[in-house]
Amino acid sequence: MNLRSNFEPGTTRWAVRRTQWKEMGISEEDMLKPKIAVINTSNRLSSCFQHVDKISQAVQYAIRAHGGVPFEVRTVATSDFVTSAGKKARYLMPTRDLMVNEVECMVEGAVLDGIVFLSSCDKTTPAHLMAAARLDVPSIVLTCGYQLGGQCMAGNFVDIDDVYEAIGTMAAGKMTFEELVDMTNHAITTPGVCAGLGTANSMQITAEALGMSLPGNSPILADSAKLYRYCEMVGKRIVEMVENDEKPRDIITKEAIENAVMVVLAIGGSVNTVRHLSAVATEAEIDMDVINTYEKFADTIHLLTAVRPNGPYRTEDLEAAGGCMAVMKRLEKYLHLDCKTVSGTTVGENIRDAEVLREEVIRPMEDPQSYRPGVAILRGNLCPNGAIVKLSAVPNELPFFAGPAKIFDGEEEAIKVGIGEGKIQKGDVVVLRNQGPKGGPGTVFACSFVAALNGADLGADVAVVTDGELSGLNRGIIIGQVMPEAAVGGPLAVIKEGETIRIDFEHRTMTVEIPEEELRARVSAWKPAERELPPGYLAQYFELVQPIEQGAVLGYRSFRDKK
């Protein structure tokens, strides 16, 4: 086989590598086989990753059984609920791009032939898709599944999303500390990513919709027998892909990204899919505006599922109903069916025999959960480059919301002063700004405040507008990823306390009600604040991060800019 990893015998690279590998027990025969990186993001910091070492072993076994040689490669990986503790969660988004660069260093440095990505918590799946698109080496994403919730002592079902919102309930005096402790004792009963259609499950489904995971892989219960069957299939398939030279850029195309966007709209996926798919397109050097793609299909694709936080169903219900394949079957007449996938077959071939097994969970297009899209882009003088709202999580399909701006520098102040001391009132629009990739630096989580707002029973009566990062689990009147972000001089930087912000969900606009000439003058006069960042990765990230409209990738010019 003509493999890039098979160096010319007698060369320096051949000799020193052979010496290393012989000591590791690699045989003469194996030296010539396809050499596959198994990217394992496991660590002992979070329940998200506790099963991934076993998955890695199963995938490695399957690769060996089908004629390849696996090399496990470990990279950094964050957990949104654990490694958000430091620097007000500023490390979360930057870690996505750190993973991409680590994969590049390890795979390209060693000149390996193929990659299996083991994707678990939020940032790993987008990072793995970005790395695959950048390196264009035969690759498969194996999504590692979701966790289950449990039962409190009172007999009520509880998961991590309930715990998150309970902080606001306790802050409002409606829950005791002991009740909160009881919830934390029972909210997670298995390994895997957070229950519900947060970013982790949304991106795992998106990977399949893109064609980068085997059909039927998402959503999938973590540590289940079904998941280990996929380990076997992935090990076999990656060797075939190397032999056939099937590469990610044959799969990740403009049409494939459009398919993924349609699926996100249909399931009411995380708002963070927008930035991550933008980053995948940038890494693949695809000439497309992903944000505009969400707008393009917004009035065509309706909301077909009502999985938490969008409605009463759980992720396990979506899997039982047929998962991503069943959703795509519902969308069959809209999808690009000739797109290639890692299965070696097309989207159309993959979903030809797919079935919807629970009609109430995945509704037909003619009788959807809602005729509004799950995710929508807002435009207006406050967000000329767009802002994102999860319409499926807005209460009561609210047509519009308007109120005075209450501006906070961070969510801790908003929770303590705004909720705890009663500064935030019903009808307010809470603004959390300078939270974006540059403003952080490293996108700052605003989702703890949103969860606390819901816990305090204010979520249906208070809007939140931020250039920071929200959780896909958040529900309420929440607008995120306001573009341009405040730290680069976007209009969000110059609005003042008490000015009226109007959010129109029907016409998908967001505006601040001040004269346009005054707003332009303020933006023109704006100057960035003096900052002295301490040495470290976040300072490097600040210097390198590109606009969030392009996915906030590091030091990379978009394909559009190159032309």
Protein backbone atom coordinates (compact mmCIF):
# COMPACT_ATOMS: atom_id res chain seq x y z
CA MET A 1 0.00 0.00 0.00
CA ASN A 2 1.30 3.45 -0.90
CA LEU A 3 1.07 5.07 2.55
CA ARG A 4 2.55 8.42 3.48
CA SER A 5 3.75 6.86 6.75
CA ASN A 6 5.96 4.33 4.96
CA PHE A 7 9.28 6.15 4.82
CA GLU A 8 12.02 5.17 2.41
CA PRO A 9 14.20 2.45 4.00
CA GLY A 10 17.67 3.65 4.91
CA THR A 11 16.70 7.27 5.54
CA THR A 12 17.21 8.98 8.88
CA ARG A 13 13.46 9.26 9.57
CA TRP A 14 12.94 5.57 8.75
CA ALA A 15 15.81 4.44 10.95
CA VAL A 16 15.07 6.44 14.10
CA ARG A 17 11.34 5.77 13.99
CA ARG A 18 11.93 2.05 13.37
CA THR A 19 14.21 1.95 16.40
CA GLN A 20 11.54 3.54 18.60
CA TRP A 21 8.76 1.30 17.36
CA LYS A 22 10.73 -1.94 17.57
CA GLU A 23 11.21 -1.31 21.29
CA MET A 24 7.41 -0.88 21.55
CA GLY A 25 6.87 -4.36 20.10
CA ILE A 26 5.72 -3.30 16.62
CA SER A 27 6.52 -6.07 14.16
CA GLU A 28 8.14 -5.86 10.74
CA GLU A 29 4.76 -6.60 9.16
CA ASP A 30 3.01 -3.87 11.17
CA MET A 31 5.61 -1.31 10.13
CA LEU A 32 4.02 -1.30 6.65
CA LYS A 33 0.34 -1.21 7.69
CA PRO A 34 -1.94 1.88 7.90
CA LYS A 35 -1.02 3.82 11.01
CA ILE A 36 -4.08 5.29 12.68
CA ALA A 37 -4.17 7.98 15.38
CA VAL A 38 -6.85 7.39 18.01
CA ILE A 39 -7.43 10.83 19.52
CA ASN A 40 -8.38 10.26 23.14
CA THR A 41 -9.48 13.33 25.09
CA SER A 42 -9.99 11.38 28.31
CA ASN A 43 -9.05 12.87 31.67
CA ARG A 44 -10.09 12.35 35.27
CA LEU A 45 -11.54 15.83 35.80
CA SER A 46 -15.07 15.17 34.61
CA SER A 47 -17.71 12.47 34.27
CA CYS A 48 -17.94 13.37 30.57
CA PHE A 49 -14.76 11.41 29.87
CA GLN A 50 -14.80 8.52 32.35
CA HIS A 51 -15.70 5.89 29.74
CA VAL A 52 -13.50 7.15 26.92
CA ASP A 53 -10.41 5.10 27.86
CA LYS A 54 -12.48 1.90 27.42
CA ILE A 55 -13.77 3.18 24.09
CA SER A 56 -10.20 3.90 23.00
CA GLN A 57 -9.15 0.34 23.82
CA ALA A 58 -12.10 -1.08 21.89
CA VAL A 59 -11.35 1.08 18.83
CA GLN A 60 -7.66 0.16 18.93
CA TYR A 61 -8.55 -3.53 19.09
CA ALA A 62 -10.83 -3.17 16.07
CA ILE A 63 -8.19 -1.28 14.07
CA ARG A 64 -5.68 -4.09 14.71
CA ALA A 65 -8.24 -6.73 13.79
CA HIS A 66 -8.86 -5.09 10.43
CA GLY A 67 -5.28 -4.57 9.35
CA GLY A 68 -4.23 -1.25 10.85
CA VAL A 69 -1.85 -0.18 13.60
CA PRO A 70 -3.42 2.16 16.20
CA PHE A 71 -1.51 4.85 18.06
CA GLU A 72 -3.38 6.44 20.94
CA VAL A 73 -2.80 10.20 21.15
CA ARG A 74 -4.04 12.15 24.16
CA THR A 75 -4.88 15.82 23.96
CA VAL A 76 -6.22 18.52 26.26
CA ALA A 77 -9.98 18.64 26.76
CA THR A 78 -12.19 20.83 28.92
CA SER A 79 -15.48 20.06 30.64
CA ASP A 80 -17.83 23.02 30.63
CA PHE A 81 -19.06 22.26 34.15
CA VAL A 82 -15.60 21.68 35.67
CA THR A 83 -12.97 23.69 33.85
CA SER A 84 -15.29 26.69 33.73
CA ALA A 85 -14.32 27.37 37.34
CA GLY A 86 -11.13 29.27 36.58
CA LYS A 87 -10.88 32.72 34.96
CA LYS A 88 -14.70 32.91 34.69
CA ALA A 89 -14.71 30.09 32.09
CA ARG A 90 -12.32 31.92 29.76
CA TYR A 91 -10.40 28.72 29.01
CA LEU A 92 -13.35 26.89 27.44
CA MET A 93 -13.49 28.34 23.91
CA PRO A 94 -9.70 28.72 23.58
CA THR A 95 -9.30 25.03 24.40
CA ARG A 96 -11.23 24.10 21.28
CA ASP A 97 -8.51 25.60 19.09
CA LEU A 98 -5.76 24.30 21.35
CA MET A 99 -7.08 20.79 20.65
CA VAL A 100 -7.03 21.43 16.91
CA ASN A 101 -3.41 22.51 17.06
CA GLU A 102 -2.43 19.58 19.27
CA VAL A 103 -3.96 17.12 16.81
CA GLU A 104 -2.08 18.81 13.98
CA CYS A 105 1.21 18.61 15.87
CA MET A 106 0.83 14.94 16.76
CA VAL A 107 -0.63 13.58 13.52
CA GLU A 108 1.38 15.67 11.08
CA GLY A 109 4.52 15.47 13.15
CA ALA A 110 4.38 11.67 13.14
CA VAL A 111 2.99 11.53 9.56
CA LEU A 112 0.16 9.11 10.37
CA ASP A 113 -2.31 7.82 7.78
CA GLY A 114 -5.73 8.18 9.41
CA ILE A 115 -7.53 9.48 12.48
CA VAL A 116 -10.33 8.27 14.74
CA PHE A 117 -11.58 11.10 16.94
CA LEU A 118 -13.22 10.11 20.23
CA SER A 119 -15.53 13.06 20.88
CA SER A 120 -17.24 13.68 24.20
CA CYS A 121 -17.73 17.04 25.97
CA ASP A 122 -18.74 20.31 24.26
CA LYS A 123 -15.52 21.52 22.67
CA THR A 124 -14.14 18.15 21.58
CA THR A 125 -16.55 17.45 18.71
CA PRO A 126 -16.12 20.84 17.01
CA ALA A 127 -12.36 20.70 17.60
CA HIS A 128 -12.21 17.27 16.02
CA LEU A 129 -14.26 18.34 13.01
CA MET A 130 -12.02 21.40 12.60
CA ALA A 131 -8.86 19.29 12.83
CA ALA A 132 -10.19 16.82 10.28
CA ALA A 133 -11.06 19.66 7.91
CA ARG A 134 -7.65 21.29 8.35
CA LEU A 135 -5.48 18.18 7.99
CA ASP A 136 -7.57 16.40 5.33
CA VAL A 137 -6.32 12.98 6.41
CA PRO A 138 -8.86 10.08 6.34
CA SER A 139 -10.86 10.60 9.53
CA ILE A 140 -13.94 9.43 11.44
CA VAL A 141 -15.57 11.07 14.43
CA LEU A 142 -16.88 8.55 16.99
CA THR A 143 -19.27 10.39 19.29
CA CYS A 144 -19.07 8.93 22.80
CA GLY A 145 -22.57 9.49 24.06
CA TYR A 146 -24.79 11.14 26.65
CA GLN A 147 -25.25 10.61 30.40
CA LEU A 148 -28.42 9.77 32.31
CA GLY A 149 -30.01 11.71 35.15
CA GLY A 150 -31.46 10.22 38.31
CA GLN A 151 -34.05 10.50 41.06
CA CYS A 152 -33.86 12.84 44.04
CA MET A 153 -34.83 11.64 47.51
CA ALA A 154 -38.19 13.32 46.94
CA GLY A 155 -38.70 11.06 43.92
CA ASN A 156 -38.36 13.79 41.28
CA PHE A 157 -36.25 13.29 38.15
CA VAL A 158 -33.14 15.48 38.13
CA ASP A 159 -30.28 16.06 35.70
CA ILE A 160 -27.39 18.51 35.47
CA ASP A 161 -29.62 21.16 33.86
CA ASP A 162 -31.91 21.08 36.90
CA VAL A 163 -28.89 21.54 39.18
CA TYR A 164 -27.76 24.51 37.12
CA GLU A 165 -31.08 26.28 37.42
CA ALA A 166 -31.39 25.43 41.12
CA ILE A 167 -28.67 28.00 41.92
CA GLY A 168 -31.09 30.78 41.05
CA THR A 169 -33.89 29.06 42.93
CA MET A 170 -31.74 28.98 46.08
CA ALA A 171 -30.53 32.57 45.52
CA ALA A 172 -34.17 33.64 45.39
CA GLY A 173 -34.86 31.85 48.69
CA LYS A 174 -37.08 29.21 47.10
CA MET A 175 -34.84 26.21 47.82
CA THR A 176 -32.74 25.14 50.77
CA PHE A 177 -29.05 24.32 50.57
CA GLU A 178 -29.82 20.76 51.67
CA GLU A 179 -32.22 20.32 48.74
CA LEU A 180 -29.51 21.53 46.37
CA VAL A 181 -27.02 19.05 47.85
CA ASP A 182 -29.54 16.24 47.33
CA MET A 183 -29.87 17.22 43.67
CA THR A 184 -26.10 17.17 43.16
CA ASN A 185 -26.00 13.68 44.67
CA HIS A 186 -28.36 12.22 42.07
CA ALA A 187 -28.25 14.34 38.88
CA ILE A 188 -25.65 12.23 37.04
CA THR A 189 -25.77 8.44 37.16
CA THR A 190 -23.61 7.44 34.16
CA PRO A 191 -20.61 8.82 32.28
CA GLY A 192 -21.12 10.87 29.12
CA VAL A 193 -22.06 14.39 28.10
CA CYS A 194 -24.83 16.46 29.66
CA ALA A 195 -28.37 15.30 29.06
CA GLY A 196 -30.52 17.47 26.80
CA LEU A 197 -29.78 19.31 23.59
CA GLY A 198 -26.88 21.33 24.92
CA THR A 199 -23.84 21.97 22.79
CA ALA A 200 -22.33 18.51 23.36
CA ASN A 201 -25.31 16.49 22.12
CA SER A 202 -26.07 19.09 19.44
CA MET A 203 -22.54 18.88 18.04
CA GLN A 204 -22.51 15.08 18.20
CA ILE A 205 -25.69 15.04 16.11
CA THR A 206 -24.18 17.70 13.84
CA ALA A 207 -21.13 15.49 13.21
CA GLU A 208 -23.41 12.75 11.91
CA ALA A 209 -25.47 15.20 9.86
CA LEU A 210 -22.23 16.44 8.27
CA GLY A 211 -21.37 12.88 7.28
CA MET A 212 -18.33 12.66 9.57
CA SER A 213 -19.81 10.01 11.91
CA LEU A 214 -21.23 6.65 10.94
CA PRO A 215 -25.02 6.69 10.48
CA GLY A 216 -26.87 5.99 13.72
CA ASN A 217 -24.02 7.12 15.99
CA SER A 218 -25.92 10.09 17.52
CA PRO A 219 -27.39 10.49 20.00
CA ILE A 220 -26.14 7.38 21.75
CA LEU A 221 -26.10 6.34 25.41
CA ALA A 222 -22.58 6.49 26.80
CA ASP A 223 -20.99 3.18 27.78
CA SER A 224 -23.80 1.21 26.11
CA ALA A 225 -23.47 -2.03 24.15
CA LYS A 226 -24.55 -0.09 21.07
CA LEU A 227 -21.64 2.32 21.47
CA TYR A 228 -19.15 -0.55 21.63
CA ARG A 229 -20.61 -2.00 18.42
CA TYR A 230 -19.78 1.35 16.83
CA CYS A 231 -16.19 1.00 18.08
CA GLU A 232 -15.90 -2.17 16.00
CA MET A 233 -17.45 -0.55 12.93
CA VAL A 234 -15.25 2.55 13.21
CA GLY A 235 -12.07 0.47 13.54
CA LYS A 236 -12.92 -1.45 10.39
CA ARG A 237 -14.07 1.57 8.42
CA ILE A 238 -11.06 3.83 9.12
CA VAL A 239 -8.68 1.23 7.66
CA GLU A 240 -10.85 1.07 4.55
CA MET A 241 -10.86 4.86 4.28
CA VAL A 242 -7.06 4.96 4.38
CA GLU A 243 -6.86 2.23 1.73
CA ASN A 244 -9.35 4.13 -0.48
CA ASP A 245 -7.88 7.58 0.30
CA GLU A 246 -11.28 8.94 1.42
CA LYS A 247 -10.62 12.36 2.94
CA PRO A 248 -12.64 14.83 5.04
CA ARG A 249 -12.75 17.56 2.42
CA ASP A 250 -14.56 15.10 0.13
CA ILE A 251 -17.22 14.93 2.86
CA ILE A 252 -17.19 18.37 4.54
CA THR A 253 -18.56 20.47 1.69
CA LYS A 254 -20.83 23.48 1.45
CA GLU A 255 -23.77 21.15 0.82
CA ALA A 256 -22.87 18.97 3.82
CA ILE A 257 -22.76 22.04 6.07
CA GLU A 258 -26.17 23.06 4.75
CA ASN A 259 -27.45 19.59 5.67
CA ALA A 260 -26.04 20.02 9.18
CA VAL A 261 -27.65 23.44 9.57
CA MET A 262 -31.03 22.04 8.54
CA VAL A 263 -30.75 19.30 11.15
CA VAL A 264 -29.80 21.84 13.85
CA LEU A 265 -32.85 23.92 12.97
CA ALA A 266 -35.09 20.85 13.07
CA ILE A 267 -33.92 19.65 16.48
CA GLY A 268 -33.59 23.09 18.10
CA GLY A 269 -29.88 22.53 18.67
CA SER A 270 -27.46 24.69 20.59
CA VAL A 271 -26.82 28.29 19.56
CA ASN A 272 -23.12 27.41 19.72
CA THR A 273 -23.43 25.24 16.62
CA VAL A 274 -23.31 28.49 14.63
CA ARG A 275 -19.80 29.45 15.73
CA HIS A 276 -18.55 25.86 15.53
CA LEU A 277 -19.87 25.20 12.02
CA SER A 278 -18.44 28.58 10.96
CA ALA A 279 -15.07 27.41 12.28
CA VAL A 280 -15.34 24.06 10.46
CA ALA A 281 -16.07 25.88 7.19
CA THR A 282 -13.11 28.19 7.76
CA GLU A 283 -10.76 25.27 8.44
CA ALA A 284 -12.03 23.45 5.34
CA GLU A 285 -11.51 26.64 3.29
CA ILE A 286 -15.10 26.59 2.10
CA ASP A 287 -16.35 29.83 0.61
CA MET A 288 -19.65 30.24 2.47
CA ASP A 289 -21.33 32.40 5.06
CA VAL A 290 -22.55 29.92 7.67
CA ILE A 291 -24.47 32.56 9.62
CA ASN A 292 -26.40 33.44 6.48
CA THR A 293 -27.03 29.73 5.91
CA TYR A 294 -29.02 29.59 9.16
CA GLU A 295 -31.05 32.53 7.86
CA LYS A 296 -31.47 30.90 4.45
CA PHE A 297 -33.25 27.85 5.85
CA ALA A 298 -34.98 29.47 8.84
CA ASP A 299 -38.39 29.74 7.19
CA THR A 300 -38.17 26.36 5.47
CA ILE A 301 -37.13 24.00 8.26
CA HIS A 302 -39.50 23.79 11.23
CA LEU A 303 -38.85 22.55 14.75
CA LEU A 304 -39.54 18.80 14.79
CA THR A 305 -38.37 17.81 18.27
CA ALA A 306 -39.03 19.08 21.79
CA VAL A 307 -36.05 17.68 23.70
CA ARG A 308 -34.94 19.48 26.88
CA PRO A 309 -34.54 22.46 27.16
CA ASN A 310 -36.98 22.90 24.27
CA GLY A 311 -39.68 20.64 25.69
CA PRO A 312 -40.48 17.61 27.85
CA TYR A 313 -38.51 14.89 26.06
CA ARG A 314 -35.04 13.68 26.97
CA THR A 315 -32.06 12.75 24.83
CA GLU A 316 -32.79 9.05 25.39
CA ASP A 317 -36.25 9.66 23.86
CA LEU A 318 -34.63 11.12 20.76
CA GLU A 319 -32.35 8.11 20.46
CA ALA A 320 -35.28 5.73 20.91
CA ALA A 321 -37.20 7.64 18.22
CA GLY A 322 -34.44 6.98 15.67
CA GLY A 323 -31.95 9.76 16.41
CA CYS A 324 -30.24 11.82 13.76
CA MET A 325 -31.10 9.41 10.96
CA ALA A 326 -34.81 9.68 11.71
CA VAL A 327 -34.63 13.48 11.80
CA MET A 328 -32.84 13.45 8.45
CA LYS A 329 -35.51 11.10 7.09
CA ARG A 330 -38.10 13.74 7.98
CA LEU A 331 -35.99 16.30 6.09
CA GLU A 332 -35.27 14.01 3.13
CA LYS A 333 -36.76 16.20 0.41
CA TYR A 334 -34.74 19.22 1.57
CA LEU A 335 -31.33 17.60 2.07
CA HIS A 336 -28.46 17.23 -0.37
CA LEU A 337 -28.80 13.47 -0.64
CA ASP A 338 -25.74 12.95 -2.83
CA CYS A 339 -23.30 14.17 -0.15
CA LYS A 340 -20.62 11.60 0.69
CA THR A 341 -20.24 10.30 4.23
CA VAL A 342 -17.60 8.36 6.20
CA SER A 343 -19.71 5.23 5.73
CA GLY A 344 -18.62 5.14 2.08
CA THR A 345 -22.21 5.72 1.02
CA THR A 346 -24.23 8.90 0.46
CA VAL A 347 -26.69 10.64 2.77
CA GLY A 348 -29.54 9.40 0.61
CA GLU A 349 -28.37 5.81 0.81
CA ASN A 350 -27.87 6.07 4.58
CA ILE A 351 -31.38 7.28 5.34
CA ARG A 352 -33.25 5.33 2.65
CA ASP A 353 -34.57 2.78 5.15
CA ALA A 354 -34.49 5.01 8.24
CA GLU A 355 -37.67 5.09 10.33
CA VAL A 356 -39.19 7.41 12.88
CA LEU A 357 -39.95 5.08 15.78
CA ARG A 358 -41.76 7.58 18.01
CA GLU A 359 -43.93 10.02 16.08
CA GLU A 360 -44.56 12.25 19.10
CA VAL A 361 -40.81 12.84 19.59
CA ILE A 362 -39.85 13.55 15.96
CA ARG A 363 -42.81 15.19 14.29
CA PRO A 364 -43.36 15.48 10.50
CA MET A 365 -42.68 18.75 8.70
CA GLU A 366 -46.38 19.27 8.04
CA ASP A 367 -47.20 18.92 11.75
CA PRO A 368 -44.12 20.19 13.61
CA GLN A 369 -43.57 21.07 17.25
CA SER A 370 -43.38 24.67 16.03
CA TYR A 371 -43.34 26.42 12.69
CA ARG A 372 -40.53 28.63 13.98
CA PRO A 373 -36.98 27.36 13.47
CA GLY A 374 -35.13 26.00 16.48
CA VAL A 375 -32.29 28.51 16.06
CA ALA A 376 -32.50 31.92 14.41
CA ILE A 377 -30.23 34.83 13.49
CA LEU A 378 -31.26 38.35 14.51
CA ARG A 379 -30.09 41.48 12.69
CA GLY A 380 -30.39 45.15 13.54
CA ASN A 381 -28.47 48.22 14.69
CA LEU A 382 -27.35 46.41 17.85
CA CYS A 383 -26.09 43.37 15.94
CA PRO A 384 -25.28 44.36 12.33
CA ASN A 385 -23.34 41.13 11.78
CA GLY A 386 -25.95 39.03 13.54
CA ALA A 387 -26.84 37.59 16.92
CA ILE A 388 -28.21 34.16 17.78
CA VAL A 389 -31.36 33.10 19.60
CA LYS A 390 -32.64 29.62 20.37
CA LEU A 391 -36.26 30.26 19.39
CA SER A 392 -37.26 26.78 20.49
CA ALA A 393 -36.36 27.72 24.08
CA VAL A 394 -38.13 31.12 24.12
CA PRO A 395 -41.20 30.75 26.37
CA ASN A 396 -44.69 30.75 24.85
CA GLU A 397 -43.40 31.54 21.33
CA LEU A 398 -43.12 35.18 22.41
CA PRO A 399 -43.41 37.51 19.37
CA PHE A 400 -41.27 40.34 20.78
CA PHE A 401 -39.74 41.75 23.93
CA ALA A 402 -38.69 45.29 24.80
CA GLY A 403 -37.27 46.81 27.94
CA PRO A 404 -34.60 49.03 29.52
CA ALA A 405 -30.99 47.86 29.46
CA LYS A 406 -29.47 46.76 32.76
CA ILE A 407 -25.74 46.50 32.08
CA PHE A 408 -23.37 44.24 34.05
CA ASP A 409 -19.67 43.51 33.63
CA GLY A 410 -20.05 39.82 34.41
CA GLU A 411 -22.49 37.13 35.47
CA GLU A 412 -21.28 36.96 39.07
CA GLU A 413 -22.29 40.58 39.61
CA ALA A 414 -25.56 39.97 37.76
CA ILE A 415 -26.39 37.00 40.01
CA LYS A 416 -25.33 38.65 43.27
CA VAL A 417 -26.62 42.18 42.69
CA GLY A 418 -29.17 41.68 39.93
CA ILE A 419 -30.96 38.64 41.34
CA GLY A 420 -29.81 38.47 44.96
CA GLU A 421 -30.37 42.17 45.70
CA GLY A 422 -33.33 42.61 43.37
CA LYS A 423 -31.83 45.11 40.91
CA ILE A 424 -33.21 43.13 37.97
CA GLN A 425 -36.95 43.55 37.54
CA LYS A 426 -39.48 41.95 35.23
CA GLY A 427 -39.36 43.65 31.83
CA ASP A 428 -35.61 44.39 31.94
CA VAL A 429 -33.06 43.50 29.25
CA VAL A 430 -29.88 42.38 31.00
CA VAL A 431 -26.74 43.16 28.98
CA LEU A 432 -23.54 41.19 29.64
CA ARG A 433 -20.87 42.65 27.38
CA ASN A 434 -17.14 42.37 26.74
CA GLN A 435 -17.60 38.64 27.14
CA GLY A 436 -16.58 37.56 23.60
CA PRO A 437 -13.36 35.99 22.27
CA LYS A 438 -11.46 39.30 22.37
CA GLY A 439 -13.33 40.73 25.32
CA GLY A 440 -12.63 37.84 27.66
CA PRO A 441 -10.18 37.09 26.24
CA GLY A 442 -11.60 33.66 25.73
CA THR A 443 -15.37 33.67 25.49
CA VAL A 444 -16.94 34.13 28.93
CA PHE A 445 -19.81 31.91 30.00
CA ALA A 446 -23.08 33.76 30.51
CA CYS A 447 -25.07 30.59 31.00
CA SER A 448 -24.79 30.39 34.79
CA PHE A 449 -26.61 33.71 35.04
CA VAL A 450 -29.30 32.55 32.60
CA ALA A 451 -29.81 29.36 34.59
CA ALA A 452 -29.99 31.37 37.82
CA LEU A 453 -32.53 33.69 36.22
CA ASN A 454 -34.75 30.71 35.41
CA GLY A 455 -34.27 29.32 38.89
CA ALA A 456 -35.51 32.65 40.28
CA ASP A 457 -38.63 32.42 38.06
CA LEU A 458 -37.57 35.45 36.03
CA GLY A 459 -36.67 33.65 32.81
CA ALA A 460 -39.98 34.34 31.09
CA ASP A 461 -39.98 38.05 32.02
CA VAL A 462 -36.35 39.18 31.60
CA ALA A 463 -34.26 39.12 28.41
CA VAL A 464 -30.52 38.53 28.32
CA VAL A 465 -28.27 39.97 25.59
CA THR A 466 -24.58 39.07 25.48
CA ASP A 467 -21.58 38.77 23.20
CA GLY A 468 -20.44 35.90 25.42
CA GLU A 469 -21.14 32.20 25.28
CA LEU A 470 -24.42 30.59 26.25
CA SER A 471 -25.12 26.95 26.98
CA GLY A 472 -27.25 24.93 24.62
CA LEU A 473 -29.13 23.92 27.76
CA ASN A 474 -30.22 27.50 28.47
CA ARG A 475 -33.85 28.43 28.01
CA GLY A 476 -35.55 31.79 28.05
CA ILE A 477 -35.35 35.11 26.22
CA ILE A 478 -31.62 34.89 25.59
CA ILE A 479 -29.61 36.40 22.75
CA GLY A 480 -25.98 35.38 22.40
CA GLN A 481 -22.96 35.86 20.17
CA VAL A 482 -23.81 39.49 19.39
CA MET A 483 -21.61 40.46 16.42
CA PRO A 484 -19.38 42.40 16.24
CA GLU A 485 -18.52 41.85 19.90
CA ALA A 486 -18.18 44.85 22.20
CA ALA A 487 -14.41 44.49 22.59
CA VAL A 488 -13.84 45.25 18.90
CA GLY A 489 -16.20 48.23 18.86
CA GLY A 490 -19.55 46.63 18.13
CA PRO A 491 -22.64 48.69 18.99
CA LEU A 492 -23.12 46.68 22.20
CA ALA A 493 -20.07 48.54 23.56
CA VAL A 494 -21.69 51.97 23.43
CA ILE A 495 -25.26 51.53 24.65
CA LYS A 496 -26.12 53.07 28.01
CA GLU A 497 -27.99 51.97 31.12
CA GLY A 498 -31.72 52.37 30.71
CA GLU A 499 -31.83 52.66 26.92
CA THR A 500 -34.58 50.57 25.39
CA ILE A 501 -33.66 47.38 23.56
CA ARG A 502 -36.32 45.82 21.34
CA ILE A 503 -36.14 42.16 20.27
CA ASP A 504 -38.56 41.16 17.53
CA PHE A 505 -38.72 37.37 17.15
CA GLU A 506 -41.23 37.47 14.32
CA HIS A 507 -39.11 39.71 12.09
CA ARG A 508 -35.83 38.52 13.68
CA THR A 509 -34.43 41.91 14.57
CA MET A 510 -32.76 43.42 17.62
CA THR A 511 -32.37 47.16 17.97
CA VAL A 512 -31.53 49.80 20.53
CA GLU A 513 -33.99 52.69 20.35
CA ILE A 514 -31.71 55.68 19.94
CA PRO A 515 -31.26 57.83 16.81
CA GLU A 516 -29.11 56.11 14.18
CA GLU A 517 -26.82 59.12 13.77
CA GLU A 518 -26.14 59.14 17.52
CA LEU A 519 -25.37 55.43 17.53
CA ARG A 520 -23.00 55.83 14.58
CA ALA A 521 -21.26 58.73 16.33
CA ARG A 522 -20.79 56.70 19.49
CA VAL A 523 -19.37 53.73 17.57
CA SER A 524 -17.07 56.02 15.60
CA ALA A 525 -15.76 57.64 18.80
CA TRP A 526 -15.26 54.31 20.62
CA LYS A 527 -11.74 53.32 21.61
CA PRO A 528 -10.65 50.03 23.17
CA ALA A 529 -9.80 50.08 26.86
CA GLU A 530 -6.18 49.77 27.88
CA ARG A 531 -5.45 46.19 28.90
CA GLU A 532 -2.42 44.50 30.31
CA LEU A 533 -2.93 40.76 30.20
CA PRO A 534 -0.77 38.46 32.30
CA PRO A 535 1.49 36.10 30.32
CA GLY A 536 -0.10 32.80 29.38
CA TYR A 537 -2.34 31.11 26.86
CA LEU A 538 -5.20 33.61 27.17
CA ALA A 539 -2.88 36.48 26.24
CA GLN A 540 -1.73 34.50 23.20
CA TYR A 541 -5.36 33.76 22.33
CA PHE A 542 -6.19 37.47 22.52
CA GLU A 543 -3.52 38.24 19.93
CA LEU A 544 -4.47 35.42 17.56
CA VAL A 545 -8.24 34.98 17.71
CA GLN A 546 -10.13 35.98 14.59
CA PRO A 547 -13.67 37.46 14.41
CA ILE A 548 -16.40 35.28 15.82
CA GLU A 549 -18.24 35.61 12.50
CA GLN A 550 -15.56 33.27 11.09
CA GLY A 551 -15.86 30.90 14.03
CA ALA A 552 -13.28 32.58 16.28
CA VAL A 553 -10.49 30.39 14.89
CA LEU A 554 -6.89 31.17 15.74
CA GLY A 555 -4.60 33.12 13.45
CA TYR A 556 -6.38 32.02 10.31
CA ARG A 557 -7.72 34.09 7.46
CA SER A 558 -10.96 32.90 6.00
CA PHE A 559 -11.20 31.54 2.48
CA ARG A 560 -13.19 34.64 1.52
CA ASP A 561 -10.33 36.88 2.68
CA LYS A 562 -7.80 34.92 0.64
CA LYS A 563 -9.65 35.34 -2.64
